[in-house]
Amino acid sequence: MSDFALELLGYVASAFVVASLTMTSVLKLRILSMIGSTTFLAYGLLIDSIPVAITNGVIMVINLVFLYRLVSYEAQFDVVEVNPGSKFLERYLEHHADDIEEVWPGYRYEFHPDQLRLVVFRDMVPAGVFIASVEGATARVELDFAGRDYRDLKNARALFGRGRGILREHGLERVVTRADTPVHGRFLERFGFVRDGDEYALDIV
């Protein structure tokens, strides 16, 4: 391998390590750190630097262990209905207002009688909220939001996957929502939502 290729490999490894430190998701941090340490391990072996190879080999093993723990860990999910005037819900929405604006532009919380308000807890930590207008047996989503540290699909599984029983308990048979971006649309389709004009619908009977 040429000197230029070796130097480029070192820069690539460094870029992955630096990028890992910018991640807010622990899972993404570990994945990028894993790639970076593996690349640095190869770099160390190619330049015959045993200290670089050993150090990054150890880091690689550490990343593997923590990745296994992250992937295999089964968090406990609880979905709790909250009252219309819940101060907790208002404070949660206020705290995450900027993040909510990014994924649900223009959303403003206004409670009304025909509304379902659910908070998703992960290991008893509030991980997201689901607010929908109830029209007969149909829930029309007003807000479906997960905090930055919990955007790994597990919240959605608690509501639309195996945990959809909480919706059935409220007599709901169908969930209707919108998707403002293609990414959001693909996300919904992963959970069985079907496009219906400008909206996406999921039958939960």
N, C-alpha and C. Protein backbone atom coordinates (compact mmCIF):
# COMPACT_ATOMS: atom_id res chain seq x y z
N MET A 1 0.85 -1.19 0.00
CA MET A 1 0.00 0.00 0.00
C MET A 1 0.89 1.25 0.00
N SER A 2 0.52 2.23 -0.83
CA SER A 2 1.33 3.44 -0.96
C SER A 2 1.23 4.29 0.30
N ASP A 3 2.21 5.20 0.44
CA ASP A 3 2.20 6.10 1.60
C ASP A 3 0.94 6.97 1.59
N PHE A 4 0.53 7.38 0.40
CA PHE A 4 -0.68 8.22 0.30
C PHE A 4 -1.90 7.46 0.78
N ALA A 5 -2.02 6.19 0.37
CA ALA A 5 -3.17 5.38 0.77
C ALA A 5 -3.17 5.15 2.28
N LEU A 6 -1.99 4.93 2.86
CA LEU A 6 -1.89 4.74 4.31
C LEU A 6 -2.31 6.01 5.06
N GLU A 7 -1.84 7.14 4.56
CA GLU A 7 -2.19 8.41 5.20
C GLU A 7 -3.69 8.67 5.11
N LEU A 8 -4.26 8.35 3.94
CA LEU A 8 -5.70 8.53 3.74
C LEU A 8 -6.49 7.63 4.69
N LEU A 9 -6.01 6.40 4.88
CA LEU A 9 -6.67 5.48 5.80
C LEU A 9 -6.67 6.04 7.23
N GLY A 10 -5.55 6.66 7.62
CA GLY A 10 -5.46 7.27 8.94
C GLY A 10 -6.44 8.42 9.11
N TYR A 11 -6.60 9.23 8.06
CA TYR A 11 -7.55 10.34 8.11
C TYR A 11 -8.99 9.83 8.19
N VAL A 12 -9.27 8.78 7.45
CA VAL A 12 -10.62 8.20 7.47
C VAL A 12 -10.95 7.68 8.86
N ALA A 13 -9.99 6.96 9.46
CA ALA A 13 -10.19 6.45 10.81
C ALA A 13 -10.43 7.58 11.79
N SER A 14 -9.64 8.65 11.67
CA SER A 14 -9.79 9.81 12.55
C SER A 14 -11.17 10.45 12.38
N ALA A 15 -11.64 10.52 11.13
CA ALA A 15 -12.94 11.14 10.84
C ALA A 15 -14.06 10.37 11.53
N PHE A 16 -13.98 9.03 11.52
CA PHE A 16 -15.01 8.23 12.18
C PHE A 16 -15.00 8.45 13.70
N VAL A 17 -13.82 8.54 14.26
CA VAL A 17 -13.72 8.76 15.71
C VAL A 17 -14.30 10.11 16.08
N VAL A 18 -13.93 11.15 15.33
CA VAL A 18 -14.45 12.49 15.60
C VAL A 18 -15.96 12.53 15.42
N ALA A 19 -16.45 11.91 14.34
CA ALA A 19 -17.89 11.90 14.08
C ALA A 19 -18.66 11.20 15.20
N SER A 20 -18.06 10.15 15.78
CA SER A 20 -18.73 9.41 16.85
C SER A 20 -18.99 10.30 18.06
N LEU A 21 -18.09 11.25 18.30
CA LEU A 21 -18.21 12.13 19.46
C LEU A 21 -19.30 13.19 19.29
N THR A 22 -19.81 13.32 18.07
CA THR A 22 -20.88 14.30 17.82
C THR A 22 -22.26 13.67 17.94
N MET A 23 -22.33 12.35 18.11
CA MET A 23 -23.60 11.65 18.14
C MET A 23 -24.32 11.84 19.48
N THR A 24 -25.62 12.14 19.42
CA THR A 24 -26.42 12.18 20.65
C THR A 24 -26.97 10.80 20.98
N SER A 25 -27.05 9.94 19.98
CA SER A 25 -27.50 8.57 20.20
C SER A 25 -26.31 7.70 20.61
N VAL A 26 -26.46 7.02 21.74
CA VAL A 26 -25.38 6.15 22.23
C VAL A 26 -25.10 5.04 21.23
N LEU A 27 -26.16 4.50 20.61
CA LEU A 27 -25.99 3.42 19.64
C LEU A 27 -25.16 3.89 18.45
N LYS A 28 -25.49 5.05 17.90
CA LYS A 28 -24.73 5.59 16.76
C LYS A 28 -23.30 5.91 17.16
N LEU A 29 -23.12 6.42 18.38
CA LEU A 29 -21.78 6.71 18.87
C LEU A 29 -20.94 5.44 18.88
N ARG A 30 -21.51 4.36 19.40
CA ARG A 30 -20.76 3.10 19.49
C ARG A 30 -20.47 2.52 18.11
N ILE A 31 -21.42 2.64 17.19
CA ILE A 31 -21.21 2.09 15.84
C ILE A 31 -20.08 2.82 15.14
N LEU A 32 -20.11 4.17 15.18
CA LEU A 32 -19.05 4.95 14.52
C LEU A 32 -17.70 4.74 15.20
N SER A 33 -17.71 4.66 16.53
CA SER A 33 -16.47 4.40 17.25
C SER A 33 -15.92 3.03 16.89
N MET A 34 -16.81 2.08 16.70
CA MET A 34 -16.40 0.73 16.31
C MET A 34 -15.72 0.75 14.93
N ILE A 35 -16.34 1.46 13.99
CA ILE A 35 -15.75 1.56 12.65
C ILE A 35 -14.39 2.26 12.72
N GLY A 36 -14.34 3.34 13.52
CA GLY A 36 -13.10 4.08 13.64
C GLY A 36 -11.98 3.25 14.26
N SER A 37 -12.28 2.53 15.34
CA SER A 37 -11.25 1.72 16.00
C SER A 37 -10.81 0.57 15.12
N THR A 38 -11.74 -0.02 14.36
CA THR A 38 -11.38 -1.12 13.45
C THR A 38 -10.46 -0.61 12.35
N THR A 39 -10.78 0.57 11.81
CA THR A 39 -9.95 1.17 10.76
C THR A 39 -8.57 1.53 11.30
N PHE A 40 -8.55 2.07 12.53
CA PHE A 40 -7.26 2.40 13.14
C PHE A 40 -6.45 1.14 13.44
N LEU A 41 -7.12 0.04 13.78
CA LEU A 41 -6.43 -1.23 14.01
C LEU A 41 -5.72 -1.66 12.73
N ALA A 42 -6.45 -1.59 11.60
CA ALA A 42 -5.84 -1.95 10.32
C ALA A 42 -4.68 -1.01 9.99
N TYR A 43 -4.90 0.26 10.27
CA TYR A 43 -3.85 1.27 10.01
C TYR A 43 -2.59 0.97 10.84
N GLY A 44 -2.79 0.65 12.12
CA GLY A 44 -1.66 0.34 12.99
C GLY A 44 -0.88 -0.87 12.51
N LEU A 45 -1.59 -1.90 12.06
CA LEU A 45 -0.92 -3.11 11.57
C LEU A 45 -0.15 -2.83 10.28
N LEU A 46 -0.74 -1.99 9.41
CA LEU A 46 -0.10 -1.70 8.13
C LEU A 46 1.16 -0.87 8.28
N ILE A 47 1.20 -0.01 9.32
CA ILE A 47 2.40 0.81 9.50
C ILE A 47 3.34 0.20 10.55
N ASP A 48 3.00 -1.04 10.97
CA ASP A 48 3.83 -1.77 11.94
C ASP A 48 3.95 -1.02 13.27
N SER A 49 2.84 -0.41 13.70
CA SER A 49 2.83 0.28 14.99
C SER A 49 2.01 -0.57 15.96
N ILE A 50 2.71 -1.34 16.77
CA ILE A 50 2.04 -2.23 17.71
C ILE A 50 1.20 -1.46 18.74
N PRO A 51 1.69 -0.34 19.31
CA PRO A 51 0.87 0.40 20.28
C PRO A 51 -0.47 0.86 19.70
N VAL A 52 -0.45 1.38 18.46
CA VAL A 52 -1.70 1.83 17.81
C VAL A 52 -2.62 0.64 17.59
N ALA A 53 -2.07 -0.48 17.14
CA ALA A 53 -2.88 -1.66 16.86
C ALA A 53 -3.49 -2.22 18.15
N ILE A 54 -2.68 -2.33 19.21
CA ILE A 54 -3.18 -2.89 20.48
C ILE A 54 -4.25 -1.98 21.07
N THR A 55 -3.98 -0.67 21.13
CA THR A 55 -4.93 0.28 21.71
C THR A 55 -6.29 0.20 21.00
N ASN A 56 -6.26 0.23 19.69
CA ASN A 56 -7.52 0.23 18.95
C ASN A 56 -8.17 -1.14 18.90
N GLY A 57 -7.36 -2.19 19.04
CA GLY A 57 -7.94 -3.52 19.17
C GLY A 57 -8.75 -3.65 20.44
N VAL A 58 -8.21 -3.09 21.54
CA VAL A 58 -8.91 -3.10 22.82
C VAL A 58 -10.19 -2.25 22.73
N ILE A 59 -10.08 -1.06 22.12
CA ILE A 59 -11.25 -0.19 21.96
C ILE A 59 -12.32 -0.88 21.13
N MET A 60 -11.90 -1.61 20.11
CA MET A 60 -12.84 -2.33 19.26
C MET A 60 -13.61 -3.38 20.07
N VAL A 61 -12.90 -4.12 20.92
CA VAL A 61 -13.54 -5.14 21.75
C VAL A 61 -14.52 -4.48 22.73
N ILE A 62 -14.11 -3.36 23.33
CA ILE A 62 -14.99 -2.64 24.25
C ILE A 62 -16.27 -2.19 23.54
N ASN A 63 -16.11 -1.65 22.34
CA ASN A 63 -17.28 -1.23 21.56
C ASN A 63 -18.19 -2.41 21.23
N LEU A 64 -17.59 -3.54 20.91
CA LEU A 64 -18.39 -4.73 20.61
C LEU A 64 -19.22 -5.16 21.81
N VAL A 65 -18.61 -5.13 23.00
CA VAL A 65 -19.32 -5.52 24.22
C VAL A 65 -20.49 -4.59 24.48
N PHE A 66 -20.25 -3.28 24.38
CA PHE A 66 -21.31 -2.32 24.66
C PHE A 66 -22.39 -2.34 23.58
N LEU A 67 -22.00 -2.58 22.33
CA LEU A 67 -23.00 -2.71 21.26
C LEU A 67 -23.89 -3.90 21.51
N TYR A 68 -23.30 -5.01 21.93
CA TYR A 68 -24.09 -6.20 22.24
C TYR A 68 -25.08 -5.92 23.35
N ARG A 69 -24.63 -5.23 24.39
CA ARG A 69 -25.52 -4.90 25.50
C ARG A 69 -26.66 -3.99 25.05
N LEU A 70 -26.33 -3.01 24.20
CA LEU A 70 -27.35 -2.08 23.72
C LEU A 70 -28.41 -2.79 22.88
N VAL A 71 -27.94 -3.68 22.00
CA VAL A 71 -28.86 -4.36 21.08
C VAL A 71 -29.69 -5.42 21.79
N SER A 72 -29.08 -6.11 22.76
CA SER A 72 -29.77 -7.21 23.42
C SER A 72 -30.63 -6.77 24.60
N TYR A 73 -30.41 -5.54 25.09
CA TYR A 73 -31.15 -5.09 26.26
C TYR A 73 -32.62 -4.84 25.92
N GLU A 74 -33.50 -5.37 26.73
CA GLU A 74 -34.94 -5.18 26.53
C GLU A 74 -35.46 -4.18 27.56
N ALA A 75 -35.71 -2.98 27.10
CA ALA A 75 -36.23 -1.95 28.00
C ALA A 75 -37.69 -2.24 28.35
N GLN A 76 -38.13 -1.73 29.48
CA GLN A 76 -39.53 -1.86 29.88
C GLN A 76 -40.28 -0.63 29.39
N PHE A 77 -41.37 -0.87 28.67
CA PHE A 77 -42.17 0.23 28.15
C PHE A 77 -43.51 0.29 28.87
N ASP A 78 -43.91 1.50 29.19
CA ASP A 78 -45.22 1.74 29.76
C ASP A 78 -45.86 2.89 29.00
N VAL A 79 -47.10 2.72 28.62
CA VAL A 79 -47.85 3.78 27.92
C VAL A 79 -48.95 4.23 28.85
N VAL A 80 -48.90 5.51 29.25
CA VAL A 80 -49.80 6.03 30.27
C VAL A 80 -50.63 7.17 29.70
N GLU A 81 -51.94 7.11 29.94
CA GLU A 81 -52.81 8.20 29.52
C GLU A 81 -52.74 9.33 30.54
N VAL A 82 -52.70 10.56 30.07
CA VAL A 82 -52.63 11.71 30.97
C VAL A 82 -53.87 12.59 30.79
N ASN A 83 -54.20 13.32 31.83
CA ASN A 83 -55.38 14.17 31.84
C ASN A 83 -55.19 15.41 30.96
N PRO A 84 -56.29 16.02 30.52
CA PRO A 84 -56.20 17.19 29.64
C PRO A 84 -55.35 18.33 30.21
N GLY A 85 -55.47 18.59 31.49
CA GLY A 85 -54.74 19.70 32.09
C GLY A 85 -53.43 19.30 32.72
N SER A 86 -52.86 18.19 32.28
CA SER A 86 -51.63 17.67 32.88
C SER A 86 -50.48 18.68 32.80
N LYS A 87 -49.99 19.11 33.95
CA LYS A 87 -48.85 20.02 33.99
C LYS A 87 -47.59 19.33 33.48
N PHE A 88 -47.50 18.03 33.76
CA PHE A 88 -46.34 17.26 33.28
C PHE A 88 -46.29 17.30 31.75
N LEU A 89 -47.44 17.03 31.09
CA LEU A 89 -47.47 17.02 29.63
C LEU A 89 -47.12 18.41 29.08
N GLU A 90 -47.70 19.44 29.66
CA GLU A 90 -47.41 20.80 29.19
C GLU A 90 -45.93 21.12 29.32
N ARG A 91 -45.34 20.74 30.45
CA ARG A 91 -43.91 21.02 30.65
C ARG A 91 -43.05 20.21 29.70
N TYR A 92 -43.42 18.96 29.45
CA TYR A 92 -42.67 18.12 28.52
C TYR A 92 -42.68 18.72 27.13
N LEU A 93 -43.86 19.14 26.67
CA LEU A 93 -43.99 19.73 25.33
C LEU A 93 -43.24 21.06 25.25
N GLU A 94 -43.26 21.81 26.32
CA GLU A 94 -42.54 23.09 26.35
C GLU A 94 -41.04 22.85 26.27
N HIS A 95 -40.55 21.87 27.03
CA HIS A 95 -39.12 21.56 27.05
C HIS A 95 -38.62 21.11 25.68
N HIS A 96 -39.45 20.36 24.95
CA HIS A 96 -39.03 19.81 23.65
C HIS A 96 -39.59 20.61 22.47
N ALA A 97 -39.99 21.85 22.73
CA ALA A 97 -40.66 22.65 21.69
C ALA A 97 -39.83 22.79 20.41
N ASP A 98 -38.54 23.02 20.54
CA ASP A 98 -37.69 23.19 19.34
C ASP A 98 -37.60 21.91 18.54
N ASP A 99 -37.44 20.77 19.22
CA ASP A 99 -37.37 19.48 18.52
C ASP A 99 -38.70 19.15 17.86
N ILE A 100 -39.79 19.46 18.54
CA ILE A 100 -41.12 19.19 17.98
C ILE A 100 -41.34 20.02 16.72
N GLU A 101 -40.86 21.26 16.75
CA GLU A 101 -41.02 22.14 15.59
C GLU A 101 -40.30 21.57 14.36
N GLU A 102 -39.19 20.88 14.59
CA GLU A 102 -38.44 20.29 13.47
C GLU A 102 -39.21 19.18 12.79
N VAL A 103 -39.89 18.35 13.58
CA VAL A 103 -40.56 17.18 12.99
C VAL A 103 -42.06 17.38 12.79
N TRP A 104 -42.66 18.32 13.54
CA TRP A 104 -44.08 18.65 13.38
C TRP A 104 -44.21 20.17 13.30
N PRO A 105 -43.80 20.75 12.17
CA PRO A 105 -43.79 22.21 12.04
C PRO A 105 -45.17 22.83 12.33
N GLY A 106 -45.15 23.87 13.14
CA GLY A 106 -46.38 24.60 13.42
C GLY A 106 -47.26 24.00 14.49
N TYR A 107 -46.82 22.88 15.10
CA TYR A 107 -47.69 22.24 16.10
C TYR A 107 -47.79 23.09 17.36
N ARG A 108 -49.03 23.24 17.86
CA ARG A 108 -49.30 23.91 19.12
C ARG A 108 -50.30 23.05 19.89
N TYR A 109 -49.96 22.75 21.13
CA TYR A 109 -50.83 21.88 21.91
C TYR A 109 -52.05 22.63 22.41
N GLU A 110 -53.22 22.11 22.08
CA GLU A 110 -54.49 22.62 22.59
C GLU A 110 -55.35 21.41 22.91
N PHE A 111 -55.68 21.24 24.19
CA PHE A 111 -56.47 20.05 24.53
C PHE A 111 -57.94 20.33 24.29
N HIS A 112 -58.65 19.24 23.96
CA HIS A 112 -60.09 19.30 23.75
C HIS A 112 -60.68 17.97 24.21
N PRO A 113 -61.98 17.89 24.42
CA PRO A 113 -62.60 16.69 25.00
C PRO A 113 -62.34 15.41 24.21
N ASP A 114 -62.44 15.47 22.89
CA ASP A 114 -62.28 14.26 22.07
C ASP A 114 -60.82 14.07 21.68
N GLN A 115 -59.99 13.87 22.69
CA GLN A 115 -58.55 13.79 22.45
C GLN A 115 -57.94 12.69 23.33
N LEU A 116 -57.02 11.93 22.74
CA LEU A 116 -56.29 10.90 23.47
C LEU A 116 -54.86 11.39 23.65
N ARG A 117 -54.40 11.41 24.90
CA ARG A 117 -53.06 11.89 25.22
C ARG A 117 -52.31 10.78 25.94
N LEU A 118 -51.25 10.28 25.31
CA LEU A 118 -50.47 9.18 25.88
C LEU A 118 -49.01 9.59 26.02
N VAL A 119 -48.40 9.18 27.12
CA VAL A 119 -46.96 9.38 27.31
C VAL A 119 -46.31 8.00 27.32
N VAL A 120 -45.27 7.85 26.53
CA VAL A 120 -44.53 6.59 26.46
C VAL A 120 -43.33 6.69 27.39
N PHE A 121 -43.26 5.78 28.37
CA PHE A 121 -42.14 5.72 29.30
C PHE A 121 -41.24 4.54 28.94
N ARG A 122 -39.94 4.78 28.96
CA ARG A 122 -38.97 3.70 28.75
C ARG A 122 -38.15 3.58 30.02
N ASP A 123 -38.29 2.44 30.70
CA ASP A 123 -37.65 2.27 32.00
C ASP A 123 -38.00 3.43 32.93
N MET A 124 -39.27 3.82 32.87
CA MET A 124 -39.86 4.88 33.70
C MET A 124 -39.30 6.27 33.40
N VAL A 125 -38.66 6.44 32.25
CA VAL A 125 -38.20 7.75 31.80
C VAL A 125 -39.09 8.18 30.63
N PRO A 126 -39.67 9.40 30.67
CA PRO A 126 -40.54 9.82 29.57
C PRO A 126 -39.77 9.88 28.26
N ALA A 127 -40.20 9.07 27.28
CA ALA A 127 -39.47 8.95 26.02
C ALA A 127 -40.20 9.58 24.85
N GLY A 128 -41.50 9.83 24.99
CA GLY A 128 -42.24 10.42 23.88
C GLY A 128 -43.70 10.61 24.23
N VAL A 129 -44.41 11.30 23.33
CA VAL A 129 -45.83 11.54 23.53
C VAL A 129 -46.60 11.25 22.25
N PHE A 130 -47.85 10.85 22.44
CA PHE A 130 -48.75 10.57 21.32
C PHE A 130 -50.07 11.28 21.64
N ILE A 131 -50.47 12.20 20.78
CA ILE A 131 -51.70 12.96 20.97
C ILE A 131 -52.53 12.84 19.70
N ALA A 132 -53.79 12.45 19.86
CA ALA A 132 -54.64 12.25 18.69
C ALA A 132 -56.07 12.68 18.98
N SER A 133 -56.74 13.17 17.96
CA SER A 133 -58.17 13.46 18.05
C SER A 133 -58.91 12.16 17.77
N VAL A 134 -59.89 11.87 18.60
CA VAL A 134 -60.65 10.63 18.44
C VAL A 134 -61.98 10.94 17.75
N GLU A 135 -62.17 10.30 16.60
CA GLU A 135 -63.40 10.45 15.83
C GLU A 135 -64.03 9.08 15.67
N GLY A 136 -64.93 8.71 16.59
CA GLY A 136 -65.49 7.37 16.58
C GLY A 136 -64.43 6.35 16.91
N ALA A 137 -64.15 5.45 15.96
CA ALA A 137 -63.13 4.42 16.18
C ALA A 137 -61.82 4.78 15.51
N THR A 138 -61.68 6.04 15.08
CA THR A 138 -60.47 6.48 14.39
C THR A 138 -59.71 7.52 15.22
N ALA A 139 -58.41 7.32 15.33
CA ALA A 139 -57.54 8.28 15.99
C ALA A 139 -56.78 9.05 14.92
N ARG A 140 -56.99 10.36 14.86
CA ARG A 140 -56.28 11.21 13.90
C ARG A 140 -55.14 11.90 14.64
N VAL A 141 -53.93 11.51 14.28
CA VAL A 141 -52.75 11.94 15.03
C VAL A 141 -52.52 13.44 14.91
N GLU A 142 -52.38 14.08 16.07
CA GLU A 142 -52.00 15.48 16.12
C GLU A 142 -50.50 15.61 16.35
N LEU A 143 -49.96 14.71 17.18
CA LEU A 143 -48.52 14.71 17.47
C LEU A 143 -48.08 13.31 17.86
N ASP A 144 -47.01 12.85 17.23
CA ASP A 144 -46.37 11.59 17.60
C ASP A 144 -44.87 11.88 17.66
N PHE A 145 -44.38 12.10 18.88
CA PHE A 145 -43.03 12.62 19.05
C PHE A 145 -42.21 11.75 19.99
N ALA A 146 -40.95 11.54 19.61
CA ALA A 146 -40.00 10.83 20.47
C ALA A 146 -38.81 11.74 20.73
N GLY A 147 -38.33 11.76 21.97
CA GLY A 147 -37.16 12.57 22.32
C GLY A 147 -35.95 12.13 21.52
N ARG A 148 -34.96 13.01 21.42
CA ARG A 148 -33.77 12.73 20.58
C ARG A 148 -33.07 11.43 20.96
N ASP A 149 -33.04 11.10 22.24
CA ASP A 149 -32.33 9.90 22.68
C ASP A 149 -33.15 8.63 22.49
N TYR A 150 -34.38 8.76 21.96
CA TYR A 150 -35.26 7.60 21.88
C TYR A 150 -35.83 7.41 20.47
N ARG A 151 -35.12 7.85 19.47
CA ARG A 151 -35.60 7.72 18.09
C ARG A 151 -35.01 6.48 17.43
N ASP A 152 -35.33 5.33 18.01
CA ASP A 152 -34.80 4.07 17.50
C ASP A 152 -35.91 3.08 17.17
N LEU A 153 -37.12 3.58 16.92
CA LEU A 153 -38.29 2.80 16.53
C LEU A 153 -38.98 2.08 17.68
N LYS A 154 -38.32 1.98 18.85
CA LYS A 154 -38.92 1.21 19.93
C LYS A 154 -40.16 1.88 20.50
N ASN A 155 -40.18 3.21 20.53
CA ASN A 155 -41.39 3.90 20.98
C ASN A 155 -42.57 3.55 20.09
N ALA A 156 -42.30 3.56 18.78
CA ALA A 156 -43.36 3.26 17.82
C ALA A 156 -43.87 1.83 17.99
N ARG A 157 -42.96 0.91 18.30
CA ARG A 157 -43.39 -0.48 18.53
C ARG A 157 -44.30 -0.57 19.75
N ALA A 158 -44.02 0.26 20.76
CA ALA A 158 -44.85 0.23 21.96
C ALA A 158 -46.27 0.68 21.66
N LEU A 159 -46.45 1.49 20.62
CA LEU A 159 -47.77 2.00 20.27
C LEU A 159 -48.41 1.23 19.12
N PHE A 160 -47.64 1.03 18.05
CA PHE A 160 -48.21 0.46 16.82
C PHE A 160 -47.84 -1.00 16.58
N GLY A 161 -46.87 -1.50 17.35
CA GLY A 161 -46.47 -2.90 17.20
C GLY A 161 -47.18 -3.77 18.19
N ARG A 162 -46.38 -4.52 18.94
CA ARG A 162 -46.98 -5.45 19.89
C ARG A 162 -47.72 -4.73 21.02
N GLY A 163 -47.46 -3.43 21.20
CA GLY A 163 -48.13 -2.70 22.26
C GLY A 163 -49.38 -1.97 21.84
N ARG A 164 -49.87 -2.25 20.63
CA ARG A 164 -51.02 -1.49 20.14
C ARG A 164 -52.30 -1.78 20.92
N GLY A 165 -52.23 -2.71 21.87
CA GLY A 165 -53.41 -3.02 22.69
C GLY A 165 -53.92 -1.81 23.44
N ILE A 166 -53.02 -0.89 23.81
CA ILE A 166 -53.43 0.31 24.53
C ILE A 166 -54.40 1.13 23.68
N LEU A 167 -54.23 1.09 22.36
CA LEU A 167 -55.14 1.81 21.47
C LEU A 167 -56.47 1.08 21.35
N ARG A 168 -56.40 -0.24 21.30
CA ARG A 168 -57.64 -1.03 21.21
C ARG A 168 -58.48 -0.85 22.47
N GLU A 169 -57.80 -0.71 23.61
CA GLU A 169 -58.53 -0.54 24.87
C GLU A 169 -59.40 0.71 24.86
N HIS A 170 -59.05 1.67 24.02
CA HIS A 170 -59.84 2.89 23.90
C HIS A 170 -60.87 2.79 22.77
N GLY A 171 -61.10 1.57 22.30
CA GLY A 171 -62.09 1.35 21.26
C GLY A 171 -61.67 1.80 19.87
N LEU A 172 -60.38 1.99 19.68
CA LEU A 172 -59.89 2.46 18.38
C LEU A 172 -59.63 1.30 17.43
N GLU A 173 -59.93 1.52 16.18
CA GLU A 173 -59.73 0.50 15.15
C GLU A 173 -58.81 0.99 14.03
N ARG A 174 -58.55 2.28 14.02
CA ARG A 174 -57.77 2.84 12.91
C ARG A 174 -57.02 4.09 13.39
N VAL A 175 -55.77 4.22 12.92
CA VAL A 175 -54.96 5.40 13.22
C VAL A 175 -54.62 6.07 11.89
N VAL A 176 -54.87 7.37 11.82
CA VAL A 176 -54.59 8.13 10.60
C VAL A 176 -53.61 9.25 10.94
N THR A 177 -52.59 9.41 10.11
CA THR A 177 -51.60 10.45 10.35
C THR A 177 -51.08 10.98 9.03
N ARG A 178 -50.23 12.00 9.12
CA ARG A 178 -49.62 12.57 7.92
C ARG A 178 -48.12 12.32 7.97
N ALA A 179 -47.48 12.49 6.83
CA ALA A 179 -46.02 12.38 6.75
C ALA A 179 -45.52 13.58 5.97
N ASP A 180 -44.76 14.44 6.64
CA ASP A 180 -44.29 15.66 5.99
C ASP A 180 -43.04 15.44 5.15
N THR A 181 -42.38 14.29 5.33
CA THR A 181 -41.17 14.00 4.57
C THR A 181 -41.20 12.55 4.08
N PRO A 182 -40.46 12.23 3.00
CA PRO A 182 -40.38 10.85 2.54
C PRO A 182 -39.83 9.90 3.60
N VAL A 183 -38.90 10.40 4.42
CA VAL A 183 -38.32 9.57 5.49
C VAL A 183 -39.40 9.18 6.48
N HIS A 184 -40.24 10.14 6.86
CA HIS A 184 -41.34 9.86 7.80
C HIS A 184 -42.32 8.86 7.17
N GLY A 185 -42.56 9.03 5.87
CA GLY A 185 -43.46 8.10 5.18
C GLY A 185 -42.94 6.67 5.21
N ARG A 186 -41.65 6.50 4.96
CA ARG A 186 -41.05 5.16 4.99
C ARG A 186 -41.09 4.59 6.40
N PHE A 187 -40.89 5.46 7.39
CA PHE A 187 -40.96 5.06 8.79
C PHE A 187 -42.35 4.49 9.10
N LEU A 188 -43.38 5.18 8.67
CA LEU A 188 -44.75 4.73 8.92
C LEU A 188 -45.04 3.40 8.22
N GLU A 189 -44.54 3.26 7.00
CA GLU A 189 -44.79 2.04 6.24
C GLU A 189 -44.16 0.82 6.92
N ARG A 190 -43.08 1.04 7.66
CA ARG A 190 -42.43 -0.07 8.38
C ARG A 190 -43.36 -0.67 9.43
N PHE A 191 -44.31 0.12 9.90
CA PHE A 191 -45.23 -0.34 10.94
C PHE A 191 -46.61 -0.66 10.38
N GLY A 192 -46.70 -0.80 9.07
CA GLY A 192 -47.94 -1.25 8.46
C GLY A 192 -48.88 -0.16 8.00
N PHE A 193 -48.47 1.10 8.14
CA PHE A 193 -49.31 2.19 7.64
C PHE A 193 -49.37 2.13 6.11
N VAL A 194 -50.55 2.42 5.58
CA VAL A 194 -50.75 2.40 4.13
C VAL A 194 -51.12 3.80 3.68
N ARG A 195 -50.50 4.25 2.60
CA ARG A 195 -50.78 5.60 2.11
C ARG A 195 -52.21 5.68 1.60
N ASP A 196 -52.89 6.74 2.01
CA ASP A 196 -54.27 6.98 1.61
C ASP A 196 -54.38 8.45 1.24
N GLY A 197 -54.10 8.77 -0.03
CA GLY A 197 -54.09 10.16 -0.46
C GLY A 197 -52.91 10.88 0.15
N ASP A 198 -53.19 11.95 0.88
CA ASP A 198 -52.12 12.72 1.54
C ASP A 198 -51.83 12.21 2.94
N GLU A 199 -52.49 11.15 3.34
CA GLU A 199 -52.34 10.63 4.70
C GLU A 199 -51.91 9.17 4.69
N TYR A 200 -51.60 8.67 5.89
CA TYR A 200 -51.25 7.27 6.07
C TYR A 200 -52.21 6.70 7.13
N ALA A 201 -52.65 5.47 6.88
CA ALA A 201 -53.63 4.86 7.80
C ALA A 201 -53.16 3.48 8.23
N LEU A 202 -53.47 3.14 9.48
CA LEU A 202 -53.14 1.82 10.04
C LEU A 202 -54.38 1.25 10.71
N ASP A 203 -54.79 0.06 10.27
CA ASP A 203 -55.90 -0.65 10.93
C ASP A 203 -55.34 -1.44 12.08
N ILE A 204 -55.93 -1.29 13.27
CA ILE A 204 -55.39 -1.96 14.46
C ILE A 204 -56.37 -2.95 15.05
N VAL A 205 -57.37 -3.38 14.26
CA VAL A 205 -58.34 -4.36 14.75
C VAL A 205 -57.69 -5.73 14.79
